[in-house]
Every structure is written in C-alpha cells, then in structure tokens.
N, C-alpha and C. Protein backbone atom coordinates (compact mmCIF):
# COMPACT_ATOMS: atom_id res chain seq x y z
N UNK A 1 1.44 5.60 10.84
CA UNK A 1 2.09 5.77 11.86
C UNK A 1 3.80 4.75 10.88
N UNK A 2 4.39 6.25 11.05
CA UNK A 2 5.63 5.60 10.38
C UNK A 2 6.96 5.04 11.02
N UNK A 3 6.98 3.32 11.31
CA UNK A 3 8.08 3.45 11.78
C UNK A 3 9.21 2.53 11.26
N UNK A 4 10.89 2.31 11.67
CA UNK A 4 11.59 1.90 11.57
C UNK A 4 12.33 0.79 12.24
N UNK A 5 12.37 0.06 11.99
CA UNK A 5 13.02 -1.17 12.36
C UNK A 5 14.75 -1.38 11.62
N UNK A 6 15.45 -2.09 12.69
CA UNK A 6 16.60 -2.40 11.87
C UNK A 6 16.18 -3.67 11.88
N UNK A 7 16.62 -5.09 11.26
CA UNK A 7 16.11 -6.54 11.28
C UNK A 7 17.29 -7.23 11.11
N UNK A 8 18.09 -7.84 11.22
CA UNK A 8 19.44 -8.33 11.03
C UNK A 8 18.59 -9.94 10.61
N UNK A 9 19.12 -10.61 9.40
CA UNK A 9 18.98 -11.78 9.08
C UNK A 9 18.90 -11.74 7.19
N UNK A 10 18.93 -10.38 6.87
CA UNK A 10 17.75 -10.25 5.41
C UNK A 10 18.80 -10.29 4.75
N UNK A 11 19.56 -11.40 3.86
CA UNK A 11 20.14 -11.76 2.52
C UNK A 11 19.82 -11.55 1.51
N UNK A 12 18.89 -11.78 0.94
CA UNK A 12 18.99 -11.64 -0.62
C UNK A 12 17.74 -10.51 -0.99
N UNK A 13 17.00 -10.95 -2.19
CA UNK A 13 15.85 -10.22 -2.13
C UNK A 13 14.74 -11.50 -1.41
N UNK A 14 14.87 -12.91 -1.84
CA UNK A 14 13.64 -13.32 -1.42
C UNK A 14 13.71 -13.01 -0.31
N UNK A 15 14.76 -12.90 1.33
CA UNK A 15 13.94 -12.70 2.70
C UNK A 15 13.14 -11.04 2.68
N UNK A 16 14.06 -10.38 2.11
CA UNK A 16 13.21 -9.30 1.81
C UNK A 16 11.03 -9.43 1.21
N UNK A 17 11.00 -10.17 0.53
CA UNK A 17 9.35 -10.88 0.50
C UNK A 17 8.94 -11.23 1.15
N UNK A 18 9.74 -12.08 2.25
CA UNK A 18 9.43 -12.66 2.98
C UNK A 18 9.06 -11.59 4.57
N UNK A 19 9.63 -11.18 4.04
CA UNK A 19 9.67 -9.66 5.78
C UNK A 19 8.40 -8.79 4.87
N UNK A 20 8.80 -8.85 3.63
CA UNK A 20 7.59 -7.55 3.67
C UNK A 20 5.65 -8.80 3.20
N UNK A 21 5.80 -10.12 3.01
CA UNK A 21 4.53 -10.43 3.13
C UNK A 21 4.25 -10.34 4.56
N UNK A 22 5.05 -11.18 5.97
CA UNK A 22 4.84 -10.96 6.69
C UNK A 22 4.23 -9.12 8.00
N UNK A 23 5.35 -9.13 7.17
CA UNK A 23 4.07 -6.81 7.37
C UNK A 23 2.82 -7.19 6.99
N UNK A 24 2.76 -7.26 5.77
CA UNK A 24 1.27 -8.09 4.76
C UNK A 24 -0.01 -8.82 5.14
N UNK A 25 0.35 -9.09 5.80
CA UNK A 25 -0.05 -9.95 6.31
C UNK A 25 -1.30 -9.63 7.54
N UNK A 26 -0.27 -8.91 8.02
CA UNK A 26 -0.94 -8.15 9.29
C UNK A 26 -1.57 -7.14 9.12
N UNK A 27 -1.21 -6.27 7.92
CA UNK A 27 -2.24 -5.29 7.32
C UNK A 27 -1.41 -5.07 5.84
N UNK A 28 -2.48 -5.26 5.21
CA UNK A 28 -3.10 -5.55 3.69
C UNK A 28 -2.51 -3.64 3.38
N UNK A 29 -3.26 -2.70 3.96
CA UNK A 29 -2.35 -1.62 3.12
C UNK A 29 -1.21 -0.65 3.89
N UNK A 30 -0.38 -1.58 4.11
CA UNK A 30 0.76 -1.06 4.90
C UNK A 30 1.88 -0.77 4.01
N UNK A 31 3.22 0.30 4.03
CA UNK A 31 4.35 0.30 3.24
C UNK A 31 4.63 -0.08 3.43
N UNK A 32 5.44 -0.68 3.03
CA UNK A 32 7.39 -0.76 2.96
C UNK A 32 8.03 -0.72 2.91
N UNK A 33 9.68 -0.37 3.07
CA UNK A 33 10.62 0.49 1.78
C UNK A 33 11.90 -0.99 3.11
N UNK A 34 12.99 -0.89 2.09
CA UNK A 34 13.82 -2.11 2.80
C UNK A 34 14.68 -1.06 1.89
N UNK A 35 16.28 -1.63 3.13
CA UNK A 35 17.35 -0.93 2.55
C UNK A 35 18.13 -1.95 3.39
N UNK A 36 18.49 -3.33 1.99
CA UNK A 36 19.40 -4.09 2.51
C UNK A 36 20.04 -3.99 3.06
N UNK A 37 20.98 -3.67 2.29
CA UNK A 37 22.49 -3.12 2.45
C UNK A 37 22.76 -2.35 4.47
N UNK A 38 21.75 -1.99 4.19
CA UNK A 38 21.64 -1.01 6.34
C UNK A 38 20.66 -1.61 7.17
N UNK A 39 20.39 -2.95 6.46
CA UNK A 39 19.85 -3.69 7.81
C UNK A 39 18.56 -2.92 8.20
N UNK A 40 17.45 -1.82 7.30
CA UNK A 40 17.27 -1.02 7.42
C UNK A 40 14.84 -1.43 6.79
N UNK A 41 14.74 -1.44 7.94
CA UNK A 41 13.21 -1.86 7.13
C UNK A 41 12.01 -0.74 7.96
N UNK A 42 11.58 0.26 7.00
CA UNK A 42 10.49 1.22 7.00
C UNK A 42 9.14 0.76 6.31
N UNK A 43 8.23 1.04 7.87
CA UNK A 43 6.88 0.38 7.22
C UNK A 43 5.95 2.11 8.15
N UNK A 44 4.97 1.28 7.44
CA UNK A 44 4.20 2.72 7.52
C UNK A 44 2.76 2.29 7.14
N UNK A 45 2.16 1.59 8.77
CA UNK A 45 0.94 1.43 9.13
C UNK A 45 0.45 1.68 10.31
N UNK A 46 -0.51 1.24 10.78
CA UNK A 46 -1.82 1.75 11.79
C UNK A 46 -1.56 0.78 13.17
N UNK A 47 -0.41 -0.36 12.85
CA UNK A 47 -0.50 -1.68 13.57
C UNK A 47 0.45 -1.12 14.20
N UNK A 48 0.60 -1.30 15.94
CA UNK A 48 0.98 -1.22 17.36
C UNK A 48 2.46 -1.79 16.30
N UNK A 49 4.52 -1.03 16.94
CA UNK A 49 5.14 -1.22 16.75
C UNK A 49 5.87 -2.58 17.13
N UNK A 50 4.86 -3.42 18.57
CA UNK A 50 5.58 -4.29 18.83
C UNK A 50 4.39 -6.12 18.00
N UNK A 51 3.46 -5.05 18.10
CA UNK A 51 3.34 -6.49 16.27
C UNK A 51 3.35 -5.73 15.31
N UNK A 52 4.44 -5.84 14.20
CA UNK A 52 4.97 -6.16 13.29
C UNK A 52 6.55 -6.29 13.80
N UNK A 53 6.81 -6.15 14.36
CA UNK A 53 8.62 -6.55 15.20
C UNK A 53 8.15 -7.47 15.20
N UNK A 54 6.89 -8.24 16.14
CA UNK A 54 6.79 -9.36 16.39
C UNK A 54 6.66 -10.26 14.59
N UNK A 55 6.01 -9.65 14.06
CA UNK A 55 5.78 -10.11 12.71
C UNK A 55 6.99 -11.08 11.64
N UNK A 56 8.30 -10.30 11.46
CA UNK A 56 8.92 -10.23 11.21
C UNK A 56 9.90 -11.04 12.28
N UNK A 57 9.80 -10.97 13.45
CA UNK A 57 10.74 -12.23 13.97
C UNK A 57 10.24 -13.35 13.68
N UNK A 58 8.74 -14.05 13.69
CA UNK A 58 8.31 -15.15 13.77
C UNK A 58 8.55 -15.76 12.03
N UNK A 59 8.92 -14.35 11.11
CA UNK A 59 9.46 -14.74 9.70
C UNK A 59 10.98 -15.41 10.30
N UNK A 60 11.58 -15.53 11.65
CA UNK A 60 12.84 -16.04 11.42
C UNK A 60 13.81 -14.83 10.86
N UNK A 61 14.06 -13.80 11.04
CA UNK A 61 14.20 -12.48 11.31
C UNK A 61 14.60 -11.81 12.72
N UNK A 62 16.04 -11.76 13.19
CA UNK A 62 15.82 -10.31 14.11
C UNK A 62 15.69 -8.94 14.11
N UNK A 63 15.03 -8.53 15.25
CA UNK A 63 14.19 -7.05 14.60
C UNK A 63 14.84 -6.86 16.15
N UNK A 64 15.96 -5.42 15.69
CA UNK A 64 16.66 -4.99 17.09
C UNK A 64 16.07 -3.77 17.73
N UNK A 65 15.48 -3.78 19.71
CA UNK A 65 14.51 -3.41 20.13
C UNK A 65 14.24 -1.86 19.73
C-alpha cells in the first residue's frame, strides 16, 4: 500500500537518511521517496500507516495527521 506523509523537521540529506532508515527498520522491503522541499514522504509498504508515522516521530520528525 502507498502512503503519503507530510513530515516536518527535515532540513538536510542526513534527515532524509534518518527517515528512510526508521522506515526500513520497520519494513526492510519498503520503498521510500522523499521530497524535502515539499516536506513530502511517500512510502510503499505493507505496514500500517500509523506504524510508519510512529517510526518517523520516534526519530524526531513531525508527521501531520
């Protein structure tokens, strides 16, 4: 399933890697696409949307509901 998130707090490439790593720890096969300028993260994963959002917030980023 494809999920689109609005994620705040990403200001650099390191942030993008941290978000990707958090998602991949939850689902190794997830596909992650990030548009930092638009605060947009697209994830294709079998995991629940809530679990993916939690992984990003636990990494320290804001995820809009």
